[in-house]
Amino acid sequence: MISGDLLREARLRAGLTQKELARRAGTSQSAIARWESGAVQPSLERLRELIRACGLELTFRLFDYDDSYDYFIEERLGMTPEERLRQSLAEERVYEKIRGAAAA
């Protein structure tokens, strides 16, 4: 569904209707609707062409995978909402002290 969301966002940013985008992209309005709804997934190259027809560019970047926060996420997921709030407030007090020391 990500490709449909991207396509819809690009179309809306460009101020285009599905019919206008279809005309620009040389396809039908119903094809645009199917792609946006996620009923059909366009190929990556077709998605890029459709987004270009909206006057936008879809780019990609690769980053090293960073799992350094996974421990903290797993720890928090094991807490109740009240425990997470209590922990966050305690950490904020520590950060305030650090910021205060840095400003001094």
PDB file of N, CA and C in Angstrom:
ATOM      1  N   MET A   1       0.820  -1.203   0.000  1.00  0.00           N
ATOM      2  CA  MET A   1       0.000   0.000   0.000  1.00  0.00           C
ATOM      3  C   MET A   1       0.860   1.263   0.000  1.00  0.00           C
ATOM      4  N   ILE A   2       2.138   1.128   0.297  1.00  0.00           N
ATOM      5  CA  ILE A   2       3.007   2.300   0.334  1.00  0.00           C
ATOM      6  C   ILE A   2       3.044   2.992  -1.019  1.00  0.00           C
ATOM      7  N   SER A   3       3.118   2.213  -2.097  1.00  0.00           N
ATOM      8  CA  SER A   3       3.176   2.845  -3.417  1.00  0.00           C
ATOM      9  C   SER A   3       1.900   3.634  -3.699  1.00  0.00           C
ATOM     10  N   GLY A   4       0.747   3.115  -3.285  1.00  0.00           N
ATOM     11  CA  GLY A   4      -0.507   3.831  -3.474  1.00  0.00           C
ATOM     12  C   GLY A   4      -0.542   5.125  -2.687  1.00  0.00           C
ATOM     13  N   ASP A   5      -0.032   5.077  -1.461  1.00  0.00           N
ATOM     14  CA  ASP A   5       0.028   6.285  -0.632  1.00  0.00           C
ATOM     15  C   ASP A   5       0.952   7.329  -1.251  1.00  0.00           C
ATOM     16  N   LEU A   6       2.101   6.887  -1.745  1.00  0.00           N
ATOM     17  CA  LEU A   6       3.038   7.818  -2.393  1.00  0.00           C
ATOM     18  C   LEU A   6       2.420   8.461  -3.621  1.00  0.00           C
ATOM     19  N   LEU A   7       1.756   7.639  -4.419  1.00  0.00           N
ATOM     20  CA  LEU A   7       1.138   8.160  -5.635  1.00  0.00           C
ATOM     21  C   LEU A   7       0.054   9.176  -5.304  1.00  0.00           C
ATOM     22  N   ARG A   8      -0.794   8.846  -4.353  1.00  0.00           N
ATOM     23  CA  ARG A   8      -1.870   9.764  -3.964  1.00  0.00           C
ATOM     24  C   ARG A   8      -1.295  11.079  -3.429  1.00  0.00           C
ATOM     25  N   GLU A   9      -0.268  10.969  -2.583  1.00  0.00           N
ATOM     26  CA  GLU A   9       0.364  12.170  -2.025  1.00  0.00           C
ATOM     27  C   GLU A   9       0.949  13.038  -3.138  1.00  0.00           C
ATOM     28  N   ALA A  10       1.618  12.420  -4.087  1.00  0.00           N
ATOM     29  CA  ALA A  10       2.201  13.177  -5.202  1.00  0.00           C
ATOM     30  C   ALA A  10       1.113  13.862  -6.017  1.00  0.00           C
ATOM     31  N   ARG A  11       0.046  13.132  -6.291  1.00  0.00           N
ATOM     32  CA  ARG A  11      -1.053  13.698  -7.089  1.00  0.00           C
ATOM     33  C   ARG A  11      -1.683  14.878  -6.371  1.00  0.00           C
ATOM     34  N   LEU A  12      -1.931  14.716  -5.076  1.00  0.00           N
ATOM     35  CA  LEU A  12      -2.558  15.800  -4.311  1.00  0.00           C
ATOM     36  C   LEU A  12      -1.632  17.011  -4.196  1.00  0.00           C
ATOM     37  N   ARG A  13      -0.354  16.774  -3.999  1.00  0.00           N
ATOM     38  CA  ARG A  13       0.600  17.888  -3.945  1.00  0.00           C
ATOM     39  C   ARG A  13       0.612  18.668  -5.253  1.00  0.00           C
ATOM     40  N   ALA A  14       0.458  17.936  -6.353  1.00  0.00           N
ATOM     41  CA  ALA A  14       0.461  18.578  -7.670  1.00  0.00           C
ATOM     42  C   ALA A  14      -0.882  19.230  -7.977  1.00  0.00           C
ATOM     43  N   GLY A  15      -1.888  18.998  -7.149  1.00  0.00           N
ATOM     44  CA  GLY A  15      -3.203  19.577  -7.382  1.00  0.00           C
ATOM     45  C   GLY A  15      -3.922  18.946  -8.562  1.00  0.00           C
ATOM     46  N   LEU A  16      -3.656  17.671  -8.798  1.00  0.00           N
ATOM     47  CA  LEU A  16      -4.239  16.981  -9.941  1.00  0.00           C
ATOM     48  C   LEU A  16      -5.377  16.054  -9.510  1.00  0.00           C
ATOM     49  N   THR A  17      -6.339  15.892 -10.378  1.00  0.00           N
ATOM     50  CA  THR A  17      -7.349  14.855 -10.186  1.00  0.00           C
ATOM     51  C   THR A  17      -6.770  13.555 -10.727  1.00  0.00           C
ATOM     52  N   GLN A  18      -7.414  12.454 -10.408  1.00  0.00           N
ATOM     53  CA  GLN A  18      -6.977  11.176 -10.971  1.00  0.00           C
ATOM     54  C   GLN A  18      -7.047  11.210 -12.495  1.00  0.00           C
ATOM     55  N   LYS A  19      -8.093  11.844 -13.014  1.00  0.00           N
ATOM     56  CA  LYS A  19      -8.262  11.925 -14.472  1.00  0.00           C
ATOM     57  C   LYS A  19      -7.135  12.732 -15.111  1.00  0.00           C
ATOM     58  N   GLU A  20      -6.756  13.862 -14.473  1.00  0.00           N
ATOM     59  CA  GLU A  20      -5.673  14.686 -15.023  1.00  0.00           C
ATOM     60  C   GLU A  20      -4.345  13.940 -14.994  1.00  0.00           C
ATOM     61  N   LEU A  21      -4.089  13.235 -13.889  1.00  0.00           N
ATOM     62  CA  LEU A  21      -2.854  12.459 -13.800  1.00  0.00           C
ATOM     63  C   LEU A  21      -2.850  11.353 -14.847  1.00  0.00           C
ATOM     64  N   ALA A  22      -3.976  10.698 -15.024  1.00  0.00           N
ATOM     65  CA  ALA A  22      -4.072   9.630 -16.027  1.00  0.00           C
ATOM     66  C   ALA A  22      -3.742  10.166 -17.416  1.00  0.00           C
ATOM     67  N   ARG A  23      -4.265  11.345 -17.754  1.00  0.00           N
ATOM     68  CA  ARG A  23      -3.983  11.944 -19.064  1.00  0.00           C
ATOM     69  C   ARG A  23      -2.492  12.215 -19.214  1.00  0.00           C
ATOM     70  N   ARG A  24      -1.878  12.792 -18.193  1.00  0.00           N
ATOM     71  CA  ARG A  24      -0.449  13.088 -18.244  1.00  0.00           C
ATOM     72  C   ARG A  24       0.400  11.823 -18.361  1.00  0.00           C
ATOM     73  N   ALA A  25      -0.055  10.768 -17.694  1.00  0.00           N
ATOM     74  CA  ALA A  25       0.732   9.532 -17.641  1.00  0.00           C
ATOM     75  C   ALA A  25       0.386   8.554 -18.748  1.00  0.00           C
ATOM     76  N   GLY A  26      -0.612   8.903 -19.571  1.00  0.00           N
ATOM     77  CA  GLY A  26      -0.988   8.029 -20.667  1.00  0.00           C
ATOM     78  C   GLY A  26      -1.653   6.748 -20.210  1.00  0.00           C
ATOM     79  N   THR A  27      -2.513   6.856 -19.220  1.00  0.00           N
ATOM     80  CA  THR A  27      -3.229   5.688 -18.709  1.00  0.00           C
ATOM     81  C   THR A  27      -4.661   6.096 -18.402  1.00  0.00           C
ATOM     82  N   SER A  28      -5.402   5.235 -17.749  1.00  0.00           N
ATOM     83  CA  SER A  28      -6.803   5.535 -17.436  1.00  0.00           C
ATOM     84  C   SER A  28      -6.966   5.993 -15.990  1.00  0.00           C
ATOM     85  N   GLN A  29      -8.067   6.702 -15.748  1.00  0.00           N
ATOM     86  CA  GLN A  29      -8.386   7.130 -14.378  1.00  0.00           C
ATOM     87  C   GLN A  29      -8.595   5.916 -13.487  1.00  0.00           C
ATOM     88  N   SER A  30      -9.201   4.863 -14.027  1.00  0.00           N
ATOM     89  CA  SER A  30      -9.447   3.671 -13.204  1.00  0.00           C
ATOM     90  C   SER A  30      -8.138   2.989 -12.806  1.00  0.00           C
ATOM     91  N   ALA A  31      -7.119   3.058 -13.666  1.00  0.00           N
ATOM     92  CA  ALA A  31      -5.812   2.493 -13.305  1.00  0.00           C
ATOM     93  C   ALA A  31      -5.194   3.284 -12.154  1.00  0.00           C
ATOM     94  N   ILE A  32      -5.295   4.606 -12.221  1.00  0.00           N
ATOM     95  CA  ILE A  32      -4.790   5.453 -11.136  1.00  0.00           C
ATOM     96  C   ILE A  32      -5.511   5.096  -9.838  1.00  0.00           C
ATOM     97  N   ALA A  33      -6.822   4.948  -9.897  1.00  0.00           N
ATOM     98  CA  ALA A  33      -7.611   4.609  -8.706  1.00  0.00           C
ATOM     99  C   ALA A  33      -7.186   3.258  -8.131  1.00  0.00           C
ATOM    100  N   ARG A  34      -6.948   2.282  -8.994  1.00  0.00           N
ATOM    101  CA  ARG A  34      -6.522   0.953  -8.511  1.00  0.00           C
ATOM    102  C   ARG A  34      -5.159   1.026  -7.842  1.00  0.00           C
ATOM    103  N   TRP A  35      -4.229   1.800  -8.430  1.00  0.00           N
ATOM    104  CA  TRP A  35      -2.910   1.947  -7.827  1.00  0.00           C
ATOM    105  C   TRP A  35      -3.000   2.667  -6.486  1.00  0.00           C
ATOM    106  N   GLU A  36      -3.759   3.745  -6.427  1.00  0.00           N
ATOM    107  CA  GLU A  36      -3.878   4.509  -5.176  1.00  0.00           C
ATOM    108  C   GLU A  36      -4.543   3.704  -4.073  1.00  0.00           C
ATOM    109  N   SER A  37      -5.501   2.869  -4.426  1.00  0.00           N
ATOM    110  CA  SER A  37      -6.212   2.078  -3.405  1.00  0.00           C
ATOM    111  C   SER A  37      -5.401   0.879  -2.937  1.00  0.00           C
ATOM    112  N   GLY A  38      -4.359   0.539  -3.681  1.00  0.00           N
ATOM    113  CA  GLY A  38      -3.555  -0.616  -3.322  1.00  0.00           C
ATOM    114  C   GLY A  38      -4.088  -1.914  -3.905  1.00  0.00           C
ATOM    115  N   ALA A  39      -5.147  -1.828  -4.709  1.00  0.00           N
ATOM    116  CA  ALA A  39      -5.695  -3.028  -5.337  1.00  0.00           C
ATOM    117  C   ALA A  39      -4.680  -3.629  -6.301  1.00  0.00           C
ATOM    118  N   VAL A  40      -3.872  -2.766  -6.919  1.00  0.00           N
ATOM    119  CA  VAL A  40      -2.814  -3.184  -7.847  1.00  0.00           C
ATOM    120  C   VAL A  40      -1.564  -2.393  -7.483  1.00  0.00           C
ATOM    121  N   GLN A  41      -0.419  -3.048  -7.540  1.00  0.00           N
ATOM    122  CA  GLN A  41       0.851  -2.374  -7.245  1.00  0.00           C
ATOM    123  C   GLN A  41       1.584  -2.083  -8.557  1.00  0.00           C
ATOM    124  N   PRO A  42       1.889  -0.821  -8.822  1.00  0.00           N
ATOM    125  CA  PRO A  42       2.676  -0.533 -10.027  1.00  0.00           C
ATOM    126  C   PRO A  42       4.116  -0.994  -9.816  1.00  0.00           C
ATOM    127  N   SER A  43       4.813  -1.271 -10.898  1.00  0.00           N
ATOM    128  CA  SER A  43       6.240  -1.577 -10.774  1.00  0.00           C
ATOM    129  C   SER A  43       6.937  -0.319 -10.246  1.00  0.00           C
ATOM    130  N   LEU A  44       8.122  -0.492  -9.742  1.00  0.00           N
ATOM    131  CA  LEU A  44       8.872   0.651  -9.226  1.00  0.00           C
ATOM    132  C   LEU A  44       9.105   1.685 -10.318  1.00  0.00           C
ATOM    133  N   GLU A  45       9.451   1.224 -11.502  1.00  0.00           N
ATOM    134  CA  GLU A  45       9.694   2.166 -12.597  1.00  0.00           C
ATOM    135  C   GLU A  45       8.408   2.890 -12.999  1.00  0.00           C
ATOM    136  N   ARG A  46       7.301   2.180 -13.026  1.00  0.00           N
ATOM    137  CA  ARG A  46       6.019   2.827 -13.371  1.00  0.00           C
ATOM    138  C   ARG A  46       5.641   3.833 -12.292  1.00  0.00           C
ATOM    139  N   LEU A  47       5.868   3.506 -11.031  1.00  0.00           N
ATOM    140  CA  LEU A  47       5.580   4.440  -9.941  1.00  0.00           C
ATOM    141  C   LEU A  47       6.399   5.713 -10.110  1.00  0.00           C
ATOM    142  N   ARG A  48       7.659   5.575 -10.445  1.00  0.00           N
ATOM    143  CA  ARG A  48       8.509   6.748 -10.652  1.00  0.00           C
ATOM    144  C   ARG A  48       7.990   7.586 -11.822  1.00  0.00           C
ATOM    145  N   GLU A  49       7.546   6.942 -12.886  1.00  0.00           N
ATOM    146  CA  GLU A  49       6.985   7.670 -14.030  1.00  0.00           C
ATOM    147  C   GLU A  49       5.723   8.429 -13.628  1.00  0.00           C
ATOM    148  N   LEU A  50       4.871   7.795 -12.848  1.00  0.00           N
ATOM    149  CA  LEU A  50       3.636   8.445 -12.409  1.00  0.00           C
ATOM    150  C   LEU A  50       3.927   9.651 -11.523  1.00  0.00           C
ATOM    151  N   ILE A  51       4.893   9.500 -10.644  1.00  0.00           N
ATOM    152  CA  ILE A  51       5.250  10.611  -9.757  1.00  0.00           C
ATOM    153  C   ILE A  51       5.897  11.740 -10.554  1.00  0.00           C
ATOM    154  N   ARG A  52       6.684  11.394 -11.568  1.00  0.00           N
ATOM    155  CA  ARG A  52       7.248  12.428 -12.456  1.00  0.00           C
ATOM    156  C   ARG A  52       6.144  13.169 -13.194  1.00  0.00           C
ATOM    157  N   ALA A  53       5.088  12.460 -13.555  1.00  0.00           N
ATOM    158  CA  ALA A  53       3.955  13.104 -14.231  1.00  0.00           C
ATOM    159  C   ALA A  53       3.281  14.120 -13.315  1.00  0.00           C
ATOM    160  N   CYS A  54       3.503  14.002 -12.032  1.00  0.00           N
ATOM    161  CA  CYS A  54       2.983  14.975 -11.056  1.00  0.00           C
ATOM    162  C   CYS A  54       3.955  16.137 -10.864  1.00  0.00           C
ATOM    163  N   GLY A  55       5.085  16.084 -11.548  1.00  0.00           N
ATOM    164  CA  GLY A  55       6.082  17.145 -11.409  1.00  0.00           C
ATOM    165  C   GLY A  55       6.989  16.945 -10.214  1.00  0.00           C
ATOM    166  N   LEU A  56       7.024  15.728  -9.686  1.00  0.00           N
ATOM    167  CA  LEU A  56       7.864  15.420  -8.532  1.00  0.00           C
ATOM    168  C   LEU A  56       8.828  14.309  -8.894  1.00  0.00           C
ATOM    169  N   GLU A  57       9.798  14.084  -8.022  1.00  0.00           N
ATOM    170  CA  GLU A  57      10.789  13.040  -8.255  1.00  0.00           C
ATOM    171  C   GLU A  57      10.832  12.131  -7.036  1.00  0.00           C
ATOM    172  N   LEU A  58      10.826  10.843  -7.278  1.00  0.00           N
ATOM    173  CA  LEU A  58      10.941   9.849  -6.218  1.00  0.00           C
ATOM    174  C   LEU A  58      12.388   9.386  -6.189  1.00  0.00           C
ATOM    175  N   THR A  59      13.063   9.617  -5.077  1.00  0.00           N
ATOM    176  CA  THR A  59      14.467   9.215  -4.953  1.00  0.00           C
ATOM    177  C   THR A  59      14.615   8.221  -3.813  1.00  0.00           C
ATOM    178  N   PHE A  60      15.710   7.509  -3.826  1.00  0.00           N
ATOM    179  CA  PHE A  60      16.002   6.509  -2.806  1.00  0.00           C
ATOM    180  C   PHE A  60      17.411   6.713  -2.299  1.00  0.00           C
ATOM    181  N   ARG A  61      17.603   6.368  -1.039  1.00  0.00           N
ATOM    182  CA  ARG A  61      18.930   6.400  -0.447  1.00  0.00           C
ATOM    183  C   ARG A  61      19.076   5.170   0.423  1.00  0.00           C
ATOM    184  N   LEU A  62      20.264   4.634   0.482  1.00  0.00           N
ATOM    185  CA  LEU A  62      20.552   3.504   1.346  1.00  0.00           C
ATOM    186  C   LEU A  62      21.354   3.987   2.548  1.00  0.00           C
ATOM    187  N   PHE A  63      20.980   3.499   3.704  1.00  0.00           N
ATOM    188  CA  PHE A  63      21.664   3.837   4.940  1.00  0.00           C
ATOM    189  C   PHE A  63      22.073   2.551   5.632  1.00  0.00           C
ATOM    190  N   ASP A  64      23.122   2.633   6.438  1.00  0.00           N
ATOM    191  CA  ASP A  64      23.483   1.486   7.257  1.00  0.00           C
ATOM    192  C   ASP A  64      22.360   1.229   8.245  1.00  0.00           C
ATOM    193  N   TYR A  65      22.048  -0.025   8.447  1.00  0.00           N
ATOM    194  CA  TYR A  65      20.994  -0.394   9.391  1.00  0.00           C
ATOM    195  C   TYR A  65      21.462  -0.065  10.796  1.00  0.00           C
ATOM    196  N   ASP A  66      20.635   0.579  11.570  1.00  0.00           N
ATOM    197  CA  ASP A  66      20.972   0.991  12.932  1.00  0.00           C
ATOM    198  C   ASP A  66      19.995   0.338  13.899  1.00  0.00           C
ATOM    199  N   ASP A  67      20.484  -0.638  14.621  1.00  0.00           N
ATOM    200  CA  ASP A  67      19.625  -1.315  15.598  1.00  0.00           C
ATOM    201  C   ASP A  67      19.949  -0.885  17.025  1.00  0.00           C
ATOM    202  N   SER A  68      20.662   0.222  17.176  1.00  0.00           N
ATOM    203  CA  SER A  68      21.109   0.642  18.505  1.00  0.00           C
ATOM    204  C   SER A  68      19.951   1.036  19.425  1.00  0.00           C
ATOM    205  N   TYR A  69      18.786   1.326  18.866  1.00  0.00           N
ATOM    206  CA  TYR A  69      17.649   1.695  19.711  1.00  0.00           C
ATOM    207  C   TYR A  69      16.716   0.522  19.980  1.00  0.00           C
ATOM    208  N   ASP A  70      16.957  -0.620  19.365  1.00  0.00           N
ATOM    209  CA  ASP A  70      16.058  -1.760  19.514  1.00  0.00           C
ATOM    210  C   ASP A  70      15.876  -2.169  20.973  1.00  0.00           C
ATOM    211  N   TYR A  71      16.955  -2.158  21.750  1.00  0.00           N
ATOM    212  CA  TYR A  71      16.861  -2.538  23.160  1.00  0.00           C
ATOM    213  C   TYR A  71      15.886  -1.629  23.900  1.00  0.00           C
ATOM    214  N   PHE A  72      16.010  -0.329  23.681  1.00  0.00           N
ATOM    215  CA  PHE A  72      15.143   0.625  24.371  1.00  0.00           C
ATOM    216  C   PHE A  72      13.691   0.467  23.947  1.00  0.00           C
ATOM    217  N   ILE A  73      13.481   0.218  22.677  1.00  0.00           N
ATOM    218  CA  ILE A  73      12.116   0.030  22.172  1.00  0.00           C
ATOM    219  C   ILE A  73      11.492  -1.208  22.798  1.00  0.00           C
ATOM    220  N   GLU A  74      12.232  -2.310  22.784  1.00  0.00           N
ATOM    221  CA  GLU A  74      11.723  -3.558  23.371  1.00  0.00           C
ATOM    222  C   GLU A  74      11.438  -3.381  24.859  1.00  0.00           C
ATOM    223  N   GLU A  75      12.326  -2.682  25.545  1.00  0.00           N
ATOM    224  CA  GLU A  75      12.132  -2.434  26.977  1.00  0.00           C
ATOM    225  C   GLU A  75      10.839  -1.641  27.216  1.00  0.00           C
ATOM    226  N   ARG A  76      10.634  -0.589  26.425  1.00  0.00           N
ATOM    227  CA  ARG A  76       9.444   0.244  26.601  1.00  0.00           C
ATOM    228  C   ARG A  76       8.169  -0.512  26.249  1.00  0.00           C
ATOM    229  N   LEU A  77       8.232  -1.367  25.233  1.00  0.00           N
ATOM    230  CA  LEU A  77       7.046  -2.131  24.845  1.00  0.00           C
ATOM    231  C   LEU A  77       6.603  -3.090  25.944  1.00  0.00           C
ATOM    232  N   GLY A  78       7.532  -3.474  26.802  1.00  0.00           N
ATOM    233  CA  GLY A  78       7.196  -4.353  27.913  1.00  0.00           C
ATOM    234  C   GLY A  78       6.595  -3.619  29.102  1.00  0.00           C
ATOM    235  N   MET A  79       6.550  -2.302  29.051  1.00  0.00           N
ATOM    236  CA  MET A  79       6.030  -1.493  30.159  1.00  0.00           C
ATOM    237  C   MET A  79       4.566  -1.125  29.923  1.00  0.00           C
ATOM    238  N   THR A  80       3.905  -0.813  31.014  1.00  0.00           N
ATOM    239  CA  THR A  80       2.554  -0.265  30.901  1.00  0.00           C
ATOM    240  C   THR A  80       2.683   1.201  30.490  1.00  0.00           C
ATOM    241  N   PRO A  81       1.623   1.820  30.016  1.00  0.00           N
ATOM    242  CA  PRO A  81       1.705   3.247  29.679  1.00  0.00           C
ATOM    243  C   PRO A  81       2.149   4.098  30.875  1.00  0.00           C
ATOM    244  N   GLU A  82       1.671   3.768  32.041  1.00  0.00           N
ATOM    245  CA  GLU A  82       2.056   4.535  33.238  1.00  0.00           C
ATOM    246  C   GLU A  82       3.549   4.392  33.516  1.00  0.00           C
ATOM    247  N   GLU A  83       4.072   3.172  33.373  1.00  0.00           N
ATOM    248  CA  GLU A  83       5.502   2.950  33.583  1.00  0.00           C
ATOM    249  C   GLU A  83       6.332   3.705  32.551  1.00  0.00           C
ATOM    250  N   ARG A  84       5.876   3.713  31.301  1.00  0.00           N
ATOM    251  CA  ARG A  84       6.598   4.452  30.254  1.00  0.00           C
ATOM    252  C   ARG A  84       6.614   5.940  30.557  1.00  0.00           C
ATOM    253  N   LEU A  85       5.494   6.471  31.015  1.00  0.00           N
ATOM    254  CA  LEU A  85       5.430   7.890  31.353  1.00  0.00           C
ATOM    255  C   LEU A  85       6.361   8.209  32.513  1.00  0.00           C
ATOM    256  N   ARG A  86       6.323   7.393  33.545  1.00  0.00           N
ATOM    257  CA  ARG A  86       7.189   7.604  34.710  1.00  0.00           C
ATOM    258  C   ARG A  86       8.664   7.570  34.287  1.00  0.00           C
ATOM    259  N   GLN A  87       9.038   6.596  33.463  1.00  0.00           N
ATOM    260  CA  GLN A  87      10.414   6.471  32.986  1.00  0.00           C
ATOM    261  C   GLN A  87      10.813   7.682  32.153  1.00  0.00           C
ATOM    262  N   SER A  88       9.931   8.129  31.275  1.00  0.00           N
ATOM    263  CA  SER A  88      10.223   9.287  30.423  1.00  0.00           C
ATOM    264  C   SER A  88      10.418  10.554  31.248  1.00  0.00           C
ATOM    265  N   LEU A  89       9.585  10.743  32.255  1.00  0.00           N
ATOM    266  CA  LEU A  89       9.728  11.923  33.114  1.00  0.00           C
ATOM    267  C   LEU A  89      11.035  11.889  33.893  1.00  0.00           C
ATOM    268  N   ALA A  90      11.428  10.718  34.374  1.00  0.00           N
ATOM    269  CA  ALA A  90      12.697  10.588  35.088  1.00  0.00           C
ATOM    270  C   ALA A  90      13.866  10.899  34.157  1.00  0.00           C
ATOM    271  N   GLU A  91      13.796  10.401  32.928  1.00  0.00           N
ATOM    272  CA  GLU A  91      14.864  10.686  31.968  1.00  0.00           C
ATOM    273  C   GLU A  91      14.898  12.167  31.606  1.00  0.00           C
ATOM    274  N   GLU A  92      13.755  12.789  31.503  1.00  0.00           N
ATOM    275  CA  GLU A  92      13.717  14.221  31.189  1.00  0.00           C
ATOM    276  C   GLU A  92      14.394  15.032  32.287  1.00  0.00           C
ATOM    277  N   ARG A  93      14.213  14.643  33.541  1.00  0.00           N
ATOM    278  CA  ARG A  93      14.885  15.352  34.644  1.00  0.00           C
ATOM    279  C   ARG A  93      16.401  15.243  34.504  1.00  0.00           C
ATOM    280  N   VAL A  94      16.883  14.073  34.102  1.00  0.00           N
ATOM    281  CA  VAL A  94      18.323  13.883  33.893  1.00  0.00           C
ATOM    282  C   VAL A  94      18.804  14.772  32.749  1.00  0.00           C
ATOM    283  N   TYR A  95      18.056  14.793  31.654  1.00  0.00           N
ATOM    284  CA  TYR A  95      18.448  15.615  30.512  1.00  0.00           C
ATOM    285  C   TYR A  95      18.440  17.098  30.859  1.00  0.00           C
ATOM    286  N   GLU A  96      17.489  17.521  31.669  1.00  0.00           N
ATOM    287  CA  GLU A  96      17.449  18.933  32.103  1.00  0.00           C
ATOM    288  C   GLU A  96      18.705  19.281  32.890  1.00  0.00           C
ATOM    289  N   LYS A  97      19.163  18.376  33.753  1.00  0.00           N
ATOM    290  CA  LYS A  97      20.389  18.621  34.512  1.00  0.00           C
ATOM    291  C   LYS A  97      21.593  18.715  33.576  1.00  0.00           C
ATOM    292  N   ILE A  98      21.628  17.854  32.595  1.00  0.00           N
ATOM    293  CA  ILE A  98      22.739  17.872  31.634  1.00  0.00           C
ATOM    294  C   ILE A  98      22.736  19.168  30.841  1.00  0.00           C
ATOM    295  N   ARG A  99      21.544  19.594  30.380  1.00  0.00           N
ATOM    296  CA  ARG A  99      21.458  20.855  29.636  1.00  0.00           C
ATOM    297  C   ARG A  99      21.849  22.040  30.510  1.00  0.00           C
ATOM    298  N   GLY A 100      21.427  22.002  31.770  1.00  0.00           N
ATOM    299  CA  GLY A 100      21.776  23.081  32.689  1.00  0.00           C
ATOM    300  C   GLY A 100      23.283  23.157  32.916  1.00  0.00           C
ATOM    301  N   ALA A 101      23.923  22.002  33.074  1.00  0.00           N
ATOM    302  CA  ALA A 101      25.365  21.969  33.284  1.00  0.00           C
ATOM    303  C   ALA A 101      26.099  22.453  32.040  1.00  0.00           C
ATOM    304  N   ALA A 102      25.582  22.100  30.871  1.00  0.00           N
ATOM    305  CA  ALA A 102      26.236  22.515  29.628  1.00  0.00           C
ATOM    306  C   ALA A 102      26.115  24.018  29.409  1.00  0.00           C
ATOM    307  N   ALA A 103      25.003  24.600  29.863  1.00  0.00           N
ATOM    308  CA  ALA A 103      24.783  26.032  29.672  1.00  0.00           C
ATOM    309  C   ALA A 103      25.602  26.864  30.653  1.00  0.00           C
ATOM    310  N   ALA A 104      25.995  26.250  31.763  1.00  0.00           N
ATOM    311  CA  ALA A 104      26.733  27.000  32.803  1.00  0.00           C
ATOM    312  C   ALA A 104      28.168  27.236  32.458  1.00  0.00           C
TER     313      ALA A 104
END
